[in-house]
Protein backbone atom coordinates (compact mmCIF):
# COMPACT_ATOMS: atom_id res chain seq x y z
CA MET A 1 23.65 -23.62 -10.89
CA LEU A 2 20.82 -26.03 -11.85
CA ASN A 3 21.17 -28.12 -8.57
CA TYR A 4 21.00 -24.74 -6.90
CA LEU A 5 17.94 -23.50 -8.65
CA ARG A 6 16.27 -27.05 -8.07
CA ASP A 7 17.25 -26.71 -4.39
CA GLU A 8 15.31 -23.32 -4.08
CA VAL A 9 12.63 -24.50 -5.89
CA ALA A 10 12.08 -27.34 -3.46
CA GLU A 11 12.12 -25.06 -0.58
CA ARG A 12 9.65 -22.73 -2.10
CA TYR A 13 7.93 -25.69 -3.01
CA ASP A 14 7.61 -27.69 0.33
CA ILE A 15 6.65 -24.02 1.99
CA LEU A 16 3.71 -23.66 -0.42
CA GLY A 17 2.82 -27.38 -0.40
CA ARG A 18 1.95 -26.95 3.64
CA ASP A 19 0.07 -24.08 3.15
CA LEU A 20 -1.97 -25.36 0.56
CA ALA A 21 -2.89 -28.79 2.72
CA ARG A 22 -4.06 -26.27 5.46
CA LYS A 23 -6.65 -25.53 2.81
CA GLY A 24 -7.11 -29.29 1.95
CA ILE A 25 -5.51 -28.61 -1.75
CA ASP A 26 -2.80 -31.25 -2.62
CA ILE A 27 -0.11 -29.48 -4.24
CA GLU A 28 1.28 -32.59 -6.05
CA GLU A 29 -2.14 -32.53 -7.98
CA VAL A 30 -2.25 -29.02 -9.03
CA LYS A 31 1.35 -29.85 -10.59
CA LYS A 32 0.31 -32.80 -12.34
CA LYS A 33 -2.45 -30.75 -14.09
CA ILE A 34 0.03 -27.79 -14.77
CA SER A 35 2.22 -30.44 -16.15
CA ASN A 36 -0.31 -31.73 -18.79
CA PHE A 37 -1.60 -28.24 -19.53
CA MET A 38 -1.70 -28.10 -23.56
CA VAL A 39 -2.33 -25.11 -25.70
CA GLU A 40 -2.44 -24.82 -29.24
CA VAL A 41 -0.20 -21.86 -30.77
CA PRO A 42 -1.17 -19.75 -33.74
CA SER A 43 0.58 -20.20 -37.26
CA TRP A 44 0.37 -16.49 -37.95
CA VAL A 45 2.39 -15.78 -34.80
CA PHE A 46 5.27 -16.74 -36.57
CA GLY A 47 4.84 -15.20 -40.15
CA PRO A 48 4.32 -11.34 -41.79
CA PHE A 49 0.47 -11.40 -40.54
CA GLY A 50 0.04 -8.18 -37.96
CA GLY A 51 2.24 -5.78 -39.73
CA GLY A 52 -0.33 -2.87 -41.60
CA ARG A 53 1.67 0.16 -39.97
CA PHE A 54 5.00 1.34 -39.80
CA SER A 55 5.37 0.41 -43.40
CA SER A 56 4.16 -3.21 -42.87
CA TYR A 57 6.84 -3.40 -40.19
CA ILE A 58 7.50 -7.10 -39.04
CA PRO A 59 9.70 -7.97 -36.38
CA PRO A 60 13.13 -9.56 -37.67
CA GLY A 61 13.16 -13.22 -37.80
CA ALA A 62 9.80 -13.86 -38.89
CA ALA A 63 9.05 -16.91 -41.03
CA ARG A 64 8.64 -16.83 -44.63
CA ASN A 65 6.55 -19.77 -45.24
CA VAL A 66 4.41 -22.43 -43.63
CA PHE A 67 7.50 -24.85 -42.62
CA GLU A 68 9.62 -21.91 -40.99
CA LYS A 69 6.56 -21.24 -38.94
CA PHE A 70 6.27 -24.99 -38.04
CA ASP A 71 10.17 -24.84 -37.33
CA ASP A 72 9.50 -21.85 -34.65
CA ALA A 73 6.56 -23.71 -33.14
CA ALA A 74 8.90 -26.46 -32.55
CA LEU A 75 11.16 -24.33 -30.69
CA VAL A 76 8.24 -23.04 -28.80
CA HIS A 77 7.27 -26.77 -27.91
CA ARG A 78 10.70 -27.93 -26.98
CA LEU A 79 11.34 -24.99 -24.32
CA THR A 80 7.61 -25.02 -23.07
CA GLY A 81 6.32 -28.98 -23.42
CA ALA A 82 2.90 -27.68 -23.87
CA THR A 83 2.11 -26.87 -27.40
CA PRO A 84 2.27 -29.76 -29.23
CA LYS A 85 -0.30 -28.38 -32.12
CA VAL A 86 -0.43 -25.58 -34.37
CA SER A 87 -3.62 -24.02 -35.50
CA ILE A 88 -3.47 -23.24 -39.36
CA HIS A 89 -5.14 -20.84 -41.74
CA VAL A 90 -6.06 -22.40 -44.82
CA GLY A 91 -5.67 -19.24 -47.15
CA TRP A 92 -2.36 -18.26 -45.48
CA ASP A 93 -0.77 -21.64 -44.91
CA CYS A 94 -1.29 -23.98 -47.76
CA PRO A 95 2.27 -24.83 -48.95
CA GLY A 96 3.36 -24.02 -52.44
CA ASN A 97 1.71 -20.90 -52.79
CA ILE A 98 -1.64 -22.41 -54.33
CA PRO A 99 -4.08 -20.08 -55.22
CA PHE A 100 -6.98 -19.80 -53.18
CA GLU A 101 -9.60 -21.27 -55.89
CA LYS A 102 -7.35 -24.25 -56.27
CA ILE A 103 -6.55 -25.28 -52.53
CA GLU A 104 -7.49 -28.97 -51.81
CA ALA A 105 -7.35 -30.80 -48.47
CA ASP A 106 -4.43 -33.01 -49.93
CA HIS A 107 -1.91 -30.04 -50.42
CA PHE A 108 -1.60 -30.38 -46.32
CA ARG A 109 -0.23 -34.04 -46.05
CA GLY A 110 3.14 -32.90 -46.59
CA LEU A 111 2.74 -30.43 -43.73
CA LYS A 112 1.42 -32.97 -41.79
CA ASP A 113 4.61 -35.05 -42.35
CA TYR A 114 6.54 -32.18 -41.51
CA ALA A 115 4.65 -31.21 -38.69
CA GLU A 116 4.98 -35.10 -37.43
CA ASN A 117 8.97 -34.93 -37.66
CA LEU A 118 9.16 -32.20 -35.27
CA GLY A 119 7.46 -33.55 -33.15
CA LEU A 120 4.02 -31.79 -33.49
CA GLY A 121 0.59 -31.76 -35.20
CA ILE A 122 -1.86 -29.56 -37.12
CA GLY A 123 -4.46 -28.67 -34.78
CA SER A 124 -7.73 -26.40 -35.17
CA VAL A 125 -8.29 -25.44 -38.93
CA ASN A 126 -9.49 -21.80 -39.79
CA PRO A 127 -11.07 -21.23 -43.48
CA THR A 128 -9.76 -17.72 -44.62
CA TYR A 129 -12.73 -15.71 -45.45
CA PHE A 130 -11.21 -12.47 -45.42
CA LEU A 131 -9.43 -12.38 -48.81
CA GLU A 132 -9.95 -10.18 -52.19
CA GLY A 133 -13.76 -10.59 -53.30
CA THR A 134 -15.02 -10.76 -49.45
CA HIS A 135 -14.96 -7.07 -48.67
CA PHE A 136 -18.79 -7.24 -49.02
CA GLY A 137 -19.17 -10.19 -46.91
CA SER A 138 -18.13 -13.79 -47.08
CA LEU A 139 -20.69 -16.45 -46.00
CA SER A 140 -23.52 -13.71 -45.58
CA ALA A 141 -22.64 -12.27 -48.89
CA ASP A 142 -25.45 -11.00 -50.94
CA ASP A 143 -23.52 -12.31 -53.85
CA ILE A 144 -24.56 -16.08 -54.27
CA ASN A 145 -21.34 -16.71 -56.43
CA VAL A 146 -18.94 -15.24 -53.29
CA ARG A 147 -20.91 -17.55 -50.95
CA ARG A 148 -20.61 -20.47 -52.90
CA LYS A 149 -16.74 -19.91 -53.32
CA LEU A 150 -16.58 -19.41 -49.65
CA ILE A 151 -19.18 -22.57 -48.93
CA GLU A 152 -16.52 -25.02 -51.16
CA HIS A 153 -13.35 -23.41 -49.48
CA THR A 154 -14.84 -24.06 -45.55
CA LEU A 155 -15.37 -27.61 -46.77
CA VAL A 156 -12.15 -28.18 -47.93
CA ALA A 157 -10.64 -26.75 -44.90
CA ALA A 158 -13.19 -29.31 -43.02
CA GLU A 159 -11.47 -32.07 -44.86
CA ILE A 160 -8.10 -30.77 -43.74
CA ALA A 161 -9.25 -30.65 -40.17
CA SER A 162 -10.63 -34.59 -40.36
CA LYS A 163 -7.80 -35.83 -42.57
CA TYR A 164 -4.66 -33.98 -41.08
CA GLY A 165 -5.81 -31.59 -38.21
CA SER A 166 -7.55 -31.94 -34.81
CA GLY A 167 -11.03 -32.26 -36.17
CA ILE A 168 -11.89 -28.71 -35.07
CA LEU A 169 -12.97 -26.48 -37.58
CA VAL A 170 -12.95 -22.79 -36.57
CA LEU A 171 -14.92 -19.88 -38.25
CA TRP A 172 -14.43 -16.05 -38.09
CA LEU A 173 -16.65 -14.01 -40.42
CA PRO A 174 -15.66 -10.06 -41.06
CA ASP A 175 -19.29 -9.86 -42.45
CA GLY A 176 -20.57 -6.83 -41.45
CA SER A 177 -21.67 -3.06 -42.50
CA LEU A 178 -20.21 0.38 -42.16
CA TYR A 179 -23.30 2.85 -41.76
CA PRO A 180 -26.96 2.66 -41.19
CA GLY A 181 -29.18 0.99 -44.32
CA GLN A 182 -25.58 -0.19 -45.89
CA VAL A 183 -27.30 -3.87 -45.44
CA ASN A 184 -30.37 -5.75 -44.76
CA PHE A 185 -29.85 -7.40 -41.26
CA ARG A 186 -32.53 -9.79 -41.54
CA LEU A 187 -31.02 -10.93 -44.75
CA LYS A 188 -27.53 -10.73 -44.08
CA GLU A 189 -28.44 -13.47 -41.28
CA SER A 190 -30.43 -15.31 -43.32
CA ASN A 191 -27.82 -15.88 -45.96
CA LEU A 192 -25.59 -16.93 -43.09
CA ARG A 193 -27.58 -19.55 -41.52
CA GLU A 194 -28.35 -20.96 -45.07
CA SER A 195 -24.54 -21.22 -45.79
CA LEU A 196 -23.85 -22.39 -42.45
CA ARG A 197 -26.52 -25.36 -42.81
CA GLU A 198 -24.92 -26.65 -45.84
CA ILE A 199 -21.28 -26.58 -44.54
CA TYR A 200 -22.85 -28.44 -41.49
CA ASP A 201 -24.79 -31.13 -43.25
CA ARG A 202 -21.54 -31.43 -45.94
CA THR A 203 -18.73 -31.67 -43.18
CA PRO A 204 -17.61 -34.98 -42.05
CA SER A 205 -19.33 -36.11 -38.74
CA SER A 206 -15.71 -36.42 -37.07
CA VAL A 207 -15.32 -32.52 -37.46
CA LYS A 208 -16.61 -29.80 -34.66
CA ILE A 209 -17.05 -26.72 -35.89
CA LEU A 210 -16.94 -23.52 -33.20
CA ILE A 211 -18.40 -20.35 -34.32
CA GLU A 212 -16.51 -17.29 -33.24
CA TYR A 213 -18.09 -13.72 -32.81
CA LYS A 214 -16.80 -10.24 -32.48
CA LEU A 215 -18.01 -6.84 -31.68
CA PHE A 216 -16.80 -5.08 -34.33
CA GLU A 217 -13.95 -5.22 -37.11
CA PRO A 218 -14.06 -4.58 -40.26
CA GLY A 219 -17.82 -3.47 -40.15
CA THR A 220 -17.94 -0.63 -37.28
CA TYR A 221 -21.89 -0.31 -37.45
CA HIS A 222 -22.85 -3.79 -37.24
CA THR A 223 -21.28 -7.34 -37.54
CA VAL A 224 -23.27 -10.46 -38.73
CA ILE A 225 -22.10 -12.62 -35.24
CA PRO A 226 -21.45 -9.72 -32.76
CA ASP A 227 -21.43 -11.35 -29.47
CA SER A 228 -21.99 -14.70 -27.73
CA PHE A 229 -25.66 -15.28 -27.74
CA THR A 230 -25.83 -14.66 -31.31
CA ALA A 231 -22.94 -17.48 -31.85
CA TYR A 232 -24.72 -19.80 -29.35
CA ASP A 233 -28.15 -19.40 -31.23
CA LEU A 234 -26.47 -20.30 -34.73
CA ALA A 235 -24.60 -23.48 -33.30
CA ARG A 236 -27.56 -24.67 -31.44
CA ASN A 237 -29.56 -24.61 -34.29
CA LEU A 238 -27.02 -26.60 -36.47
CA GLY A 239 -26.77 -29.15 -34.12
CA ASP A 240 -24.31 -31.14 -31.35
CA ARG A 241 -21.34 -30.88 -33.68
CA ALA A 242 -21.31 -26.99 -33.37
CA GLY A 243 -20.42 -24.82 -30.59
CA VAL A 244 -18.76 -21.17 -29.87
CA ILE A 245 -15.01 -19.75 -29.47
CA ILE A 246 -14.73 -17.24 -27.17
CA ASP A 247 -12.15 -14.88 -27.84
CA LEU A 248 -11.01 -12.41 -24.93
CA GLY A 249 -10.96 -9.26 -27.45
CA HIS A 250 -14.08 -9.88 -29.17
CA HIS A 251 -16.11 -8.12 -26.18
CA ALA A 252 -17.55 -4.57 -25.38
CA PHE A 253 -15.50 -3.62 -22.17
CA GLY A 254 -17.43 -4.13 -18.97
CA VAL A 255 -18.61 -8.11 -20.66
CA ASN A 256 -17.95 -10.29 -17.99
CA VAL A 257 -16.29 -12.89 -20.05
CA GLU A 258 -15.90 -15.94 -17.24
CA HIS A 259 -19.51 -15.35 -16.96
CA ILE A 260 -20.07 -16.71 -20.68
CA ALA A 261 -17.61 -19.67 -20.35
CA ALA A 262 -20.04 -20.73 -17.32
CA ARG A 263 -23.12 -20.25 -19.34
CA PHE A 264 -21.49 -22.71 -21.97
CA ILE A 265 -20.07 -25.23 -19.59
CA GLU A 266 -23.48 -25.05 -18.07
CA SER A 267 -25.21 -25.93 -21.40
CA GLY A 268 -22.93 -28.43 -22.70
CA ILE A 269 -22.37 -26.78 -25.88
CA PRO A 270 -18.71 -27.83 -27.52
CA ALA A 271 -16.71 -24.77 -26.81
CA GLY A 272 -13.49 -23.36 -26.46
CA ILE A 273 -10.99 -20.11 -25.98
CA HIS A 274 -8.85 -17.82 -27.85
CA PHE A 275 -6.51 -16.64 -25.08
CA ASN A 276 -5.02 -13.11 -26.18
CA SER A 277 -5.13 -9.59 -24.80
CA ARG A 278 -6.24 -6.03 -25.45
CA TYR A 279 -6.05 -2.69 -23.90
CA VAL A 280 -8.41 -0.79 -26.49
CA ALA A 281 -10.18 -2.13 -29.14
CA ASP A 282 -8.47 -5.47 -30.40
CA ASP A 283 -7.13 -8.63 -29.35
CA ASP A 284 -3.52 -9.18 -30.39
CA GLN A 285 -1.21 -8.65 -27.72
CA ALA A 286 0.17 -11.22 -25.15
CA VAL A 287 -1.68 -12.83 -22.47
CA GLU A 288 -0.57 -11.48 -19.06
CA PRO A 289 -1.90 -13.36 -15.58
CA ASN A 290 -4.32 -10.97 -14.67
CA MET A 291 -7.57 -10.98 -12.87
CA GLN A 292 -9.85 -11.86 -15.65
CA ILE A 293 -7.48 -14.93 -16.82
CA PHE A 294 -7.50 -16.30 -13.52
CA LEU A 295 -11.34 -15.96 -13.20
CA LEU A 296 -11.79 -17.18 -16.42
CA PHE A 297 -9.32 -20.33 -15.60
CA HIS A 298 -11.20 -20.71 -12.10
CA GLU A 299 -14.62 -21.38 -14.22
CA LEU A 300 -13.10 -23.69 -17.06
CA ALA A 301 -11.63 -25.77 -13.74
CA MET A 302 -14.56 -25.83 -11.63
CA GLY A 303 -16.66 -26.69 -14.99
CA SER A 304 -14.34 -29.77 -15.52
CA VAL A 305 -13.67 -28.60 -18.85
CA ILE A 306 -9.91 -28.32 -18.49
CA GLY A 307 -7.73 -31.11 -16.99
CA ASN A 308 -10.71 -33.54 -17.33
CA GLN A 309 -9.60 -37.38 -17.64
CA ASP A 310 -12.22 -37.76 -20.05
CA SER A 311 -10.63 -35.60 -22.80
CA ARG A 312 -14.08 -35.24 -24.63
CA LYS A 313 -15.32 -33.08 -22.07
CA ASN A 314 -12.58 -30.81 -22.43
CA TRP A 315 -12.72 -27.79 -24.02
CA ILE A 316 -10.26 -26.47 -27.05
CA TYR A 317 -7.62 -24.17 -25.95
CA ILE A 318 -5.79 -21.96 -28.48
CA ILE A 319 -3.62 -19.10 -28.72
CA ASP A 320 -4.79 -16.18 -30.98
CA GLN A 321 -2.23 -13.34 -30.91
CA CYS A 322 -0.03 -11.34 -33.37
CA SER A 323 1.02 -8.08 -32.47
CA LYS A 324 2.92 -5.51 -34.37
CA LEU A 325 6.15 -4.37 -32.90
CA GLU A 326 7.59 -7.14 -30.47
CA ASN A 327 9.07 -10.14 -31.14
CA ARG A 328 7.04 -12.76 -31.61
CA ILE A 329 8.57 -15.70 -30.08
CA HIS A 330 9.21 -13.63 -26.79
CA ALA A 331 5.43 -13.04 -27.04
CA ILE A 332 4.25 -16.52 -27.31
CA LEU A 333 6.79 -17.80 -24.80
CA HIS A 334 5.35 -15.20 -22.64
CA THR A 335 1.74 -16.02 -23.22
CA ILE A 336 2.46 -19.65 -22.20
CA ASP A 337 4.00 -19.17 -19.08
CA SER A 338 0.87 -16.55 -17.97
CA LEU A 339 -1.34 -18.89 -18.70
CA MET A 340 0.17 -21.56 -16.69
CA ILE A 341 0.44 -18.96 -13.61
CA SER A 342 -2.98 -18.25 -14.20
CA TYR A 343 -4.15 -21.84 -14.18
CA ALA A 344 -2.01 -22.75 -11.48
CA LYS A 345 -3.75 -20.23 -9.50
CA ALA A 346 -7.19 -21.08 -10.32
CA LEU A 347 -6.38 -24.96 -8.77
CA ILE A 348 -5.59 -23.34 -5.50
CA VAL A 349 -8.87 -21.67 -4.64
CA ASP A 350 -10.14 -22.91 -1.15
CA GLU A 351 -13.50 -23.83 -2.73
CA GLU A 352 -14.90 -25.26 0.56
CA LYS A 353 -14.44 -21.99 1.89
CA LEU A 354 -15.78 -20.12 -0.95
CA ARG A 355 -18.82 -21.92 -1.08
CA GLY A 356 -19.49 -21.52 2.55
CA TYR A 357 -19.11 -17.50 2.19
CA GLN A 358 -21.21 -17.78 -0.92
CA ILE A 359 -24.12 -19.55 0.73
CA ARG A 360 -24.11 -17.34 3.70
CA ASN A 361 -24.19 -14.42 1.57
CA GLU A 362 -20.78 -13.07 2.96
CA ILE A 363 -20.08 -11.04 -0.37
CA ILE A 364 -16.45 -9.58 0.71
CA LEU A 365 -15.27 -12.61 2.40
CA ALA A 366 -15.99 -14.67 -0.69
CA ASN A 367 -14.16 -12.18 -2.89
CA ARG A 368 -11.10 -11.86 -0.08
CA THR A 369 -11.01 -15.93 -0.42
CA LEU A 370 -10.82 -15.73 -4.34
CA LEU A 371 -8.19 -13.04 -4.12
CA ASP A 372 -5.98 -15.11 -1.91
CA ALA A 373 -5.69 -17.49 -4.43
CA PHE A 374 -4.86 -14.86 -7.23
CA LEU A 375 -2.16 -13.01 -4.79
CA THR A 376 -0.58 -15.98 -4.25
CA ASP A 377 3.07 -16.73 -5.76
CA VAL A 378 2.46 -20.29 -7.63
CA ARG A 379 5.69 -19.90 -9.74
CA PRO A 380 7.38 -22.62 -7.43
CA ILE A 381 4.53 -25.11 -8.76
CA ILE A 382 5.51 -23.76 -12.50
CA CYS A 383 8.98 -24.00 -12.10
CA ALA A 384 8.98 -27.75 -10.48
CA ALA A 385 6.52 -28.96 -13.05
CA LYS A 386 8.91 -27.99 -15.73
CA LEU A 387 12.02 -29.07 -14.07
CA GLU A 388 10.64 -32.60 -13.54
CA LYS A 389 9.92 -32.73 -17.42
CA GLY A 390 13.60 -31.56 -18.05
CA LEU A 391 12.51 -28.27 -19.29
CA PRO A 392 13.68 -24.49 -18.83
CA PRO A 393 12.30 -22.78 -15.71
CA ASP A 394 12.29 -19.47 -17.45
CA PRO A 395 11.18 -20.43 -21.48
CA VAL A 396 11.87 -16.73 -22.23
CA SER A 397 15.43 -16.51 -20.70
CA ALA A 398 16.25 -20.14 -22.39
CA TYR A 399 15.18 -18.37 -26.08
CA LEU A 400 17.54 -15.60 -25.20
CA GLU A 401 20.70 -18.05 -24.51
CA SER A 402 19.68 -20.53 -27.14
CA GLY A 403 20.94 -17.77 -30.35
CA TYR A 404 17.51 -19.05 -32.39
CA GLN A 405 17.01 -15.36 -32.71
CA GLU A 406 20.28 -14.52 -33.94
CA LYS A 407 20.26 -17.93 -36.34
CA ILE A 408 16.83 -17.20 -37.98
CA GLU A 409 17.71 -13.31 -38.47
CA MET A 410 20.52 -14.68 -40.49
CA GLU A 411 18.93 -17.07 -42.42
CA ARG A 412 15.67 -14.78 -43.25
CA LEU A 413 16.61 -11.91 -44.41
């Protein structure tokens, strides 16, 4: 069966290769970049976070602790070859159920060792701001004691990132308000800037800080960091080690996310992407290979912030999803496949033809050039890249056949 599959993939790969060659595109180079594509998986996708409805329903077999989360992440990496690092949330992932106020960086030493034994590493580190006592703000809170507690928590997270992680600190604040008059906008921002300044100045020089933004949640009237410009302004005022993370679900409908990415690329600011999908008002669902993801990858590829041989120029790429009902491992595998497909489509755009139409203001012809790449079936490239690495062409099918789901459902009752 495997030999038959290899022959079928090889035939489709050769046909696609000849078609791309006529456009001046080397299919082998595209395949190499797909083989090298890496994205972090979030620890929280494997655990209980993401319930809240249906009596806090959690799909069967969910990880009960951080070590089981890493077990699941290791299985995902074995099936995809694309997820060697796991993004963690300090407040949820500290081994040993240590109280929030007593968490120290060295509590994560054992987790790093455990991860390495699985062939993984700790990736980006997220301080956990949305805990008891932060319902009226975290780093922007009027209460100096709340701010002080969370500043120190962030510095612990920064130390974890420096000593045991990838040196990336991602900050998302649940700060905002529900009604007009509830808060003083300017005071909230002043509090936030003061907190961020202390964090930045006391953070190890090896650590980059990426500031996340969100249109709303939990505040429905306003959020303290509501959009990309606010996050950019905060980061630029901190220094060269601060940047912005773009979360695909954190914008108003109609916002051109790929344009935001292009602006950040042009500015040279450190940046990254939280990959996910949303259909109504939030961002926790698995990625599909749709037009938005394709256009975003096109900007990333054109801007040389993905697949760059100089790894210092690449952005950080993280999956951020954790929906309520679907099997989480199915969902994360589906997302990784979707990202590879979208990336491959972005790499086969006929850039010379596209630029020619742009210069001549041939609006529809330029658009059709992009659509030509988007509508191309690039799965032969993805399959060939996987087979060369000894990976299953369809990771979801391989997972279904592995028996892993049945195993964890039995063990994690």
